[in-house]
Amino acid sequence: MPSRQVSDSRIVHGHKRAFIRAGSGPVLLLLHGIGNNCQTWAKVIDRLAQTHTVIAPDLLGHGNSDKPRGDYSLAAYANGMRDLLTVLDVERATVVGHSLGGGIALQFAYQFPERCERLALVGSGGLGPELSAGLRAATLPGAELVITALAEVSPPLRAGLQAVENVGRVAGWRRLGDLAQALDALLGLKDIEARRAFLRTLRGVVDARGQSVTALDRIYLADSVPMLVIWGSRDPIVPAQHAEAVRTLVPSARVEVFEGAGHWPHLDEPGRFCDVLLDFIATTEPANHDLDSWRRLLAQNWDGVPRPVGR
């Protein structure tokens, strides 16, 4: 039986933070990607909420959350998630992040290891420079004018893109469906505040050469928290080779590549996604942050050279 989903919001630091909450039990924090909102998790929330409290926020600048002129860095997003959880009286959570949300999840685990029980990364940002040409182009001067022009003619275009996306997913043309969904997210930036928040967020982590922010120099710290990595083998936005980088640098991580899936494996294969995530949670113990262990890890890697955990 589907769990009751409640749409709610809180004011944090003077800004509205919208979220969906469902279920009961250990907390799962689901962080969406850039240009998306909490509805990107719609196909998996009911299943996950059968055994967990699911909290799926609209990140600041997205969905029904406020879109202020402010700080859209990964660190600021991680701070915002800590503060939202605190307001909701949640001390610890398993953090699941897709795309930009994966980068935020990595930053959250790095800044607040005592709050992070497990880490699940889905087509995550922050694990290598490679990125689709479309997102790199959106960082260039004049991008706001192009996005504004697209938004002004968005209703018929979005209808067409929805049809393309549906056909692509039914026919198994995942790359086509993913590209249609990515463009649809741009067309959904209806007001100037949303467009500016999108560009501030994107330009904080991406430039014309690709992703400019990486967690690879600190990924060895993942030895202190159970990590799951899920990727689509045909991801046209963030390449699946980034999953292999994690496999090499963090041998303790569980890496699952969904053959034929694209950038949204939780949309392409929601049943399998839930199976893998729930099994990962059931077969791992929540991290118990220990300052001495953290200090030893840092000391062993003082030269800043990424290396497999345990070496």
Protein backbone atom coordinates (compact mmCIF):
# COMPACT_ATOMS: atom_id res chain seq x y z
CA MET A 1 0.00 0.00 0.00
CA PRO A 2 1.51 3.40 -0.95
CA SER A 3 2.75 5.50 1.94
CA ARG A 4 1.16 8.87 2.47
CA GLN A 5 3.33 11.62 1.04
CA VAL A 6 3.12 15.01 2.70
CA SER A 7 4.25 18.17 0.91
CA ASP A 8 5.58 20.59 3.49
CA SER A 9 8.03 23.45 3.94
CA ARG A 10 10.09 25.20 6.58
CA ILE A 11 11.65 28.64 6.75
CA VAL A 12 15.41 28.29 7.22
CA HIS A 13 17.55 31.45 7.39
CA GLY A 14 14.60 33.43 6.08
CA HIS A 15 14.04 31.28 2.99
CA LYS A 16 11.35 28.71 2.24
CA ARG A 17 12.60 25.14 1.92
CA ALA A 18 9.98 22.86 0.37
CA PHE A 19 10.11 19.08 0.73
CA ILE A 20 8.13 15.86 0.56
CA ARG A 21 8.04 13.61 3.61
CA ALA A 22 6.76 10.03 3.66
CA GLY A 23 6.97 6.87 5.74
CA SER A 24 8.61 6.17 9.08
CA GLY A 25 11.80 4.57 10.31
CA PRO A 26 15.46 5.38 9.61
CA VAL A 27 15.82 8.54 7.55
CA LEU A 28 16.64 8.65 3.85
CA LEU A 29 17.52 12.10 2.50
CA LEU A 30 17.04 12.22 -1.30
CA LEU A 31 18.83 15.06 -3.12
CA HIS A 32 17.88 15.78 -6.74
CA GLY A 33 20.01 17.12 -9.57
CA ILE A 34 20.32 20.58 -11.09
CA GLY A 35 17.16 21.85 -12.78
CA ASN A 36 15.07 19.05 -11.24
CA ASN A 37 13.04 18.95 -8.03
CA CYS A 38 11.83 16.41 -5.50
CA GLN A 39 9.46 14.88 -8.07
CA THR A 40 12.44 13.22 -9.75
CA TRP A 41 12.13 10.63 -6.96
CA ALA A 42 8.40 10.06 -7.47
CA LYS A 43 8.80 6.49 -8.80
CA VAL A 44 10.78 5.29 -5.76
CA ILE A 45 9.42 7.22 -2.76
CA ASP A 46 6.49 4.91 -2.00
CA ARG A 47 8.65 1.79 -2.01
CA LEU A 48 11.39 3.36 0.10
CA ALA A 49 8.85 4.81 2.52
CA GLN A 50 7.58 1.33 3.41
CA THR A 51 10.59 0.92 5.69
CA HIS A 52 12.11 4.41 5.99
CA THR A 53 11.31 8.03 6.63
CA VAL A 54 11.91 9.62 3.24
CA ILE A 55 12.72 13.33 3.06
CA ALA A 56 13.01 14.67 -0.49
CA PRO A 57 13.63 18.43 -0.55
CA ASP A 58 13.49 20.92 -3.36
CA LEU A 59 16.98 22.36 -3.18
CA LEU A 60 17.22 26.11 -2.74
CA GLY A 61 16.73 27.70 -6.17
CA HIS A 62 14.64 24.74 -7.38
CA GLY A 63 11.03 23.63 -7.41
CA ASN A 64 8.87 25.22 -4.73
CA SER A 65 11.78 26.38 -2.60
CA ASP A 66 12.80 30.03 -2.62
CA LYS A 67 15.24 31.31 -5.22
CA PRO A 68 17.13 34.14 -3.56
CA ARG A 69 20.15 35.99 -4.81
CA GLY A 70 22.62 34.12 -2.64
CA ASP A 71 25.19 31.39 -2.21
CA TYR A 72 24.64 28.32 -4.38
CA SER A 73 27.96 26.59 -3.70
CA LEU A 74 28.13 22.92 -2.74
CA ALA A 75 29.16 23.95 0.77
CA ALA A 76 26.12 26.22 1.11
CA TYR A 77 23.80 23.46 -0.12
CA ALA A 78 25.33 21.04 2.40
CA ASN A 79 24.86 23.60 5.17
CA GLY A 80 21.25 24.05 4.10
CA MET A 81 20.58 20.31 4.27
CA ARG A 82 22.13 20.08 7.73
CA ASP A 83 19.97 22.95 8.94
CA LEU A 84 16.79 21.58 7.35
CA LEU A 85 17.39 18.20 9.02
CA THR A 86 18.01 19.97 12.32
CA VAL A 87 14.75 21.91 12.02
CA LEU A 88 12.99 18.60 11.30
CA ASP A 89 14.63 17.09 14.42
CA VAL A 90 16.65 14.60 12.36
CA GLU A 91 20.16 13.96 13.67
CA ARG A 92 21.43 11.38 11.14
CA ALA A 93 20.45 10.10 7.72
CA THR A 94 21.49 7.93 4.82
CA VAL A 95 22.10 10.53 2.10
CA VAL A 96 21.23 9.70 -1.51
CA GLY A 97 22.26 12.20 -4.18
CA HIS A 98 21.67 12.29 -7.93
CA SER A 99 23.90 14.35 -10.25
CA LEU A 100 24.36 17.74 -8.53
CA GLY A 101 22.71 16.12 -5.50
CA GLY A 102 25.54 13.58 -5.47
CA GLY A 103 28.07 16.38 -5.25
CA ILE A 104 26.07 17.88 -2.39
CA ALA A 105 25.89 14.47 -0.69
CA LEU A 106 29.68 14.12 -0.92
CA GLN A 107 30.11 17.60 0.51
CA PHE A 108 27.61 16.86 3.29
CA ALA A 109 29.51 13.71 4.28
CA TYR A 110 32.77 15.66 4.23
CA GLN A 111 31.50 18.64 6.25
CA PHE A 112 29.22 16.74 8.65
CA PRO A 113 30.45 13.12 8.89
CA GLU A 114 28.72 12.71 12.24
CA ARG A 115 25.35 13.31 10.51
CA CYS A 116 25.87 10.88 7.61
CA GLU A 117 25.09 7.19 8.17
CA ARG A 118 25.64 6.06 4.58
CA LEU A 119 26.28 7.66 1.22
CA ALA A 120 24.60 6.67 -2.07
CA LEU A 121 25.68 8.44 -5.25
CA VAL A 122 23.59 8.24 -8.44
CA GLY A 123 25.16 9.51 -11.68
CA SER A 124 26.98 11.84 -9.34
CA GLY A 125 28.76 15.09 -9.95
CA GLY A 126 32.14 15.78 -8.40
CA LEU A 127 33.95 12.62 -9.51
CA GLY A 128 35.74 13.81 -12.64
CA PRO A 129 35.84 16.72 -15.09
CA GLU A 130 33.90 15.16 -17.96
CA LEU A 131 30.41 16.55 -18.57
CA SER A 132 27.95 16.95 -21.43
CA ALA A 133 28.59 19.77 -23.90
CA GLY A 134 25.16 21.28 -23.23
CA LEU A 135 25.83 21.95 -19.56
CA ARG A 136 29.31 23.26 -20.32
CA ALA A 137 27.82 25.66 -22.88
CA ALA A 138 25.33 26.93 -20.30
CA THR A 139 28.23 28.41 -18.32
CA LEU A 140 29.24 30.71 -21.18
CA PRO A 141 28.37 34.42 -21.39
CA GLY A 142 24.93 35.00 -22.89
CA ALA A 143 23.52 31.68 -21.66
CA GLU A 144 20.80 33.45 -19.66
CA LEU A 145 19.47 35.08 -22.83
CA VAL A 146 19.26 31.72 -24.59
CA ILE A 147 17.53 30.04 -21.63
CA THR A 148 15.09 32.96 -21.36
CA ALA A 149 14.24 32.73 -25.06
CA LEU A 150 13.60 29.00 -24.71
CA ALA A 151 11.44 29.49 -21.63
CA GLU A 152 9.25 32.01 -23.44
CA VAL A 153 8.24 29.39 -26.01
CA SER A 154 8.29 26.50 -23.56
CA PRO A 155 4.67 25.18 -23.53
CA PRO A 156 4.66 23.62 -27.01
CA LEU A 157 8.31 22.65 -26.76
CA ARG A 158 7.78 20.93 -23.40
CA ALA A 159 4.84 18.98 -24.78
CA GLY A 160 6.98 17.81 -27.65
CA LEU A 161 9.89 16.94 -25.38
CA GLN A 162 7.60 14.94 -23.10
CA ALA A 163 6.51 12.91 -26.10
CA VAL A 164 10.14 12.41 -27.17
CA GLU A 165 11.12 11.37 -23.67
CA ASN A 166 8.25 8.88 -23.43
CA VAL A 167 9.03 7.37 -26.81
CA GLY A 168 12.72 7.20 -25.96
CA ARG A 169 12.15 5.35 -22.71
CA VAL A 170 9.53 2.95 -24.14
CA ALA A 171 11.72 2.17 -27.15
CA GLY A 172 14.83 1.82 -25.02
CA TRP A 173 16.50 4.90 -26.52
CA ARG A 174 17.70 6.08 -23.12
CA ARG A 175 20.10 8.67 -24.47
CA LEU A 176 17.28 10.38 -26.39
CA GLY A 177 15.02 10.32 -23.35
CA ASP A 178 17.75 11.71 -21.09
CA LEU A 179 18.59 14.58 -23.39
CA ALA A 180 14.91 15.42 -23.73
CA GLN A 181 14.51 15.42 -19.94
CA ALA A 182 17.58 17.63 -19.48
CA LEU A 183 16.27 20.18 -21.99
CA ASP A 184 12.83 20.00 -20.39
CA ALA A 185 14.41 21.00 -17.06
CA LEU A 186 15.81 24.13 -18.73
CA LEU A 187 12.43 24.95 -20.23
CA GLY A 188 10.89 24.62 -16.79
CA LEU A 189 12.86 27.63 -15.50
CA LYS A 190 9.83 29.89 -15.86
CA ASP A 191 10.92 32.99 -13.97
CA ILE A 192 14.09 35.04 -13.91
CA GLU A 193 14.89 34.09 -10.32
CA ALA A 194 14.83 30.38 -11.21
CA ARG A 195 17.05 30.92 -14.24
CA ARG A 196 19.57 32.95 -12.28
CA ALA A 197 19.62 30.39 -9.46
CA PHE A 198 20.22 27.65 -12.04
CA LEU A 199 23.15 29.52 -13.60
CA ARG A 200 24.67 30.43 -10.24
CA THR A 201 24.50 26.79 -9.19
CA LEU A 202 25.91 25.49 -12.46
CA ARG A 203 28.73 28.03 -12.66
CA GLY A 204 29.73 27.17 -9.11
CA VAL A 205 30.75 23.66 -10.17
CA VAL A 206 31.16 23.77 -13.97
CA ASP A 207 33.02 25.86 -16.53
CA ALA A 208 33.54 25.57 -20.29
CA ARG A 209 36.02 22.72 -19.77
CA GLY A 210 33.72 20.60 -17.61
CA GLN A 211 33.29 19.99 -13.90
CA SER A 212 35.58 22.29 -11.96
CA VAL A 213 34.93 20.91 -8.47
CA THR A 214 36.09 17.45 -7.50
CA ALA A 215 35.83 15.24 -4.44
CA LEU A 216 38.49 12.83 -5.70
CA ASP A 217 41.21 14.46 -3.60
CA ARG A 218 39.18 13.64 -0.44
CA ILE A 219 37.41 10.47 -1.55
CA TYR A 220 39.70 8.34 0.66
CA LEU A 221 37.72 9.67 3.62
CA ALA A 222 34.86 7.48 2.37
CA ASP A 223 36.53 4.65 4.27
CA SER A 224 34.66 6.00 7.28
CA VAL A 225 31.16 5.73 5.74
CA PRO A 226 29.48 2.96 3.71
CA MET A 227 29.23 4.05 0.07
CA LEU A 228 27.02 2.92 -2.80
CA VAL A 229 27.51 4.16 -6.36
CA ILE A 230 24.80 3.66 -9.01
CA TRP A 231 25.30 4.70 -12.64
CA GLY A 232 23.65 4.15 -16.00
CA SER A 233 26.04 2.67 -18.56
CA ARG A 234 24.65 5.01 -21.23
CA ASP A 235 24.64 8.20 -19.21
CA PRO A 236 25.05 11.00 -21.80
CA ILE A 237 25.54 13.74 -19.19
CA VAL A 238 28.06 12.41 -16.66
CA PRO A 239 29.98 9.41 -18.05
CA ALA A 240 29.88 6.04 -16.32
CA GLN A 241 33.69 5.97 -16.23
CA HIS A 242 33.38 8.09 -13.09
CA ALA A 243 31.92 5.06 -11.32
CA GLU A 244 35.09 3.18 -12.18
CA ALA A 245 37.16 5.96 -10.60
CA VAL A 246 35.33 5.35 -7.33
CA ARG A 247 35.78 1.59 -7.68
CA THR A 248 39.55 2.14 -7.97
CA LEU A 249 39.95 4.73 -5.22
CA VAL A 250 37.46 3.28 -2.74
CA PRO A 251 37.53 -0.53 -3.01
CA SER A 252 35.12 -0.76 -0.07
CA ALA A 253 32.40 1.02 -2.08
CA ARG A 254 29.64 -0.97 -3.74
CA VAL A 255 29.41 0.01 -7.40
CA GLU A 256 26.37 -0.90 -9.52
CA VAL A 257 26.26 0.02 -13.22
CA PHE A 258 22.79 -0.41 -14.74
CA GLU A 259 23.40 -1.66 -18.26
CA GLY A 260 21.52 0.40 -20.81
CA ALA A 261 20.26 2.97 -18.29
CA GLY A 262 20.90 6.69 -18.70
CA HIS A 263 21.46 9.61 -16.36
CA TRP A 264 18.31 8.91 -14.32
CA PRO A 265 18.60 5.19 -13.38
CA HIS A 266 15.97 5.69 -10.67
CA LEU A 267 13.53 6.63 -13.46
CA ASP A 268 14.72 4.03 -15.96
CA GLU A 269 14.67 1.12 -13.50
CA PRO A 270 12.94 2.20 -10.29
CA GLY A 271 12.37 -1.36 -9.05
CA ARG A 272 16.00 -2.34 -9.42
CA PHE A 273 17.11 0.98 -7.97
CA CYS A 274 15.06 0.36 -4.81
CA ASP A 275 16.26 -3.25 -4.58
CA VAL A 276 19.91 -2.19 -4.73
CA LEU A 277 19.55 0.75 -2.35
CA LEU A 278 17.53 -1.18 0.24
CA ASP A 279 19.90 -4.15 0.10
CA PHE A 280 22.86 -1.81 0.57
CA ILE A 281 21.19 -0.31 3.65
CA ALA A 282 20.25 -3.73 5.04
CA THR A 283 23.77 -5.15 4.65
CA THR A 284 25.78 -2.24 6.04
CA GLU A 285 26.04 -0.73 9.49
CA PRO A 286 25.50 3.02 9.88
CA ALA A 287 28.75 4.94 10.09
CA ASN A 288 29.86 5.87 13.57
CA HIS A 289 32.07 8.91 13.15
CA ASP A 290 35.23 8.68 15.16
CA LEU A 291 37.52 11.70 15.32
CA ASP A 292 40.67 9.66 15.93
CA SER A 293 40.02 7.47 12.87
CA TRP A 294 39.30 10.59 10.80
CA ARG A 295 42.59 12.12 11.98
CA ARG A 296 44.51 8.96 11.06
CA LEU A 297 42.99 8.90 7.58
CA LEU A 298 43.98 12.52 7.01
CA ALA A 299 47.50 11.90 8.30
CA GLN A 300 47.98 8.88 6.01
CA ASN A 301 47.04 10.98 2.99
CA TRP A 302 48.75 14.22 3.95
CA ASP A 303 50.38 14.64 0.51
CA GLY A 304 46.99 15.10 -1.19
CA VAL A 305 47.56 12.31 -3.73
CA PRO A 306 44.34 10.30 -4.25
CA ARG A 307 44.96 6.63 -3.59
CA PRO A 308 42.83 3.56 -2.87
CA VAL A 309 41.58 3.40 0.70
CA GLY A 310 43.77 1.23 2.91
CA ARG A 311 47.00 1.82 0.93
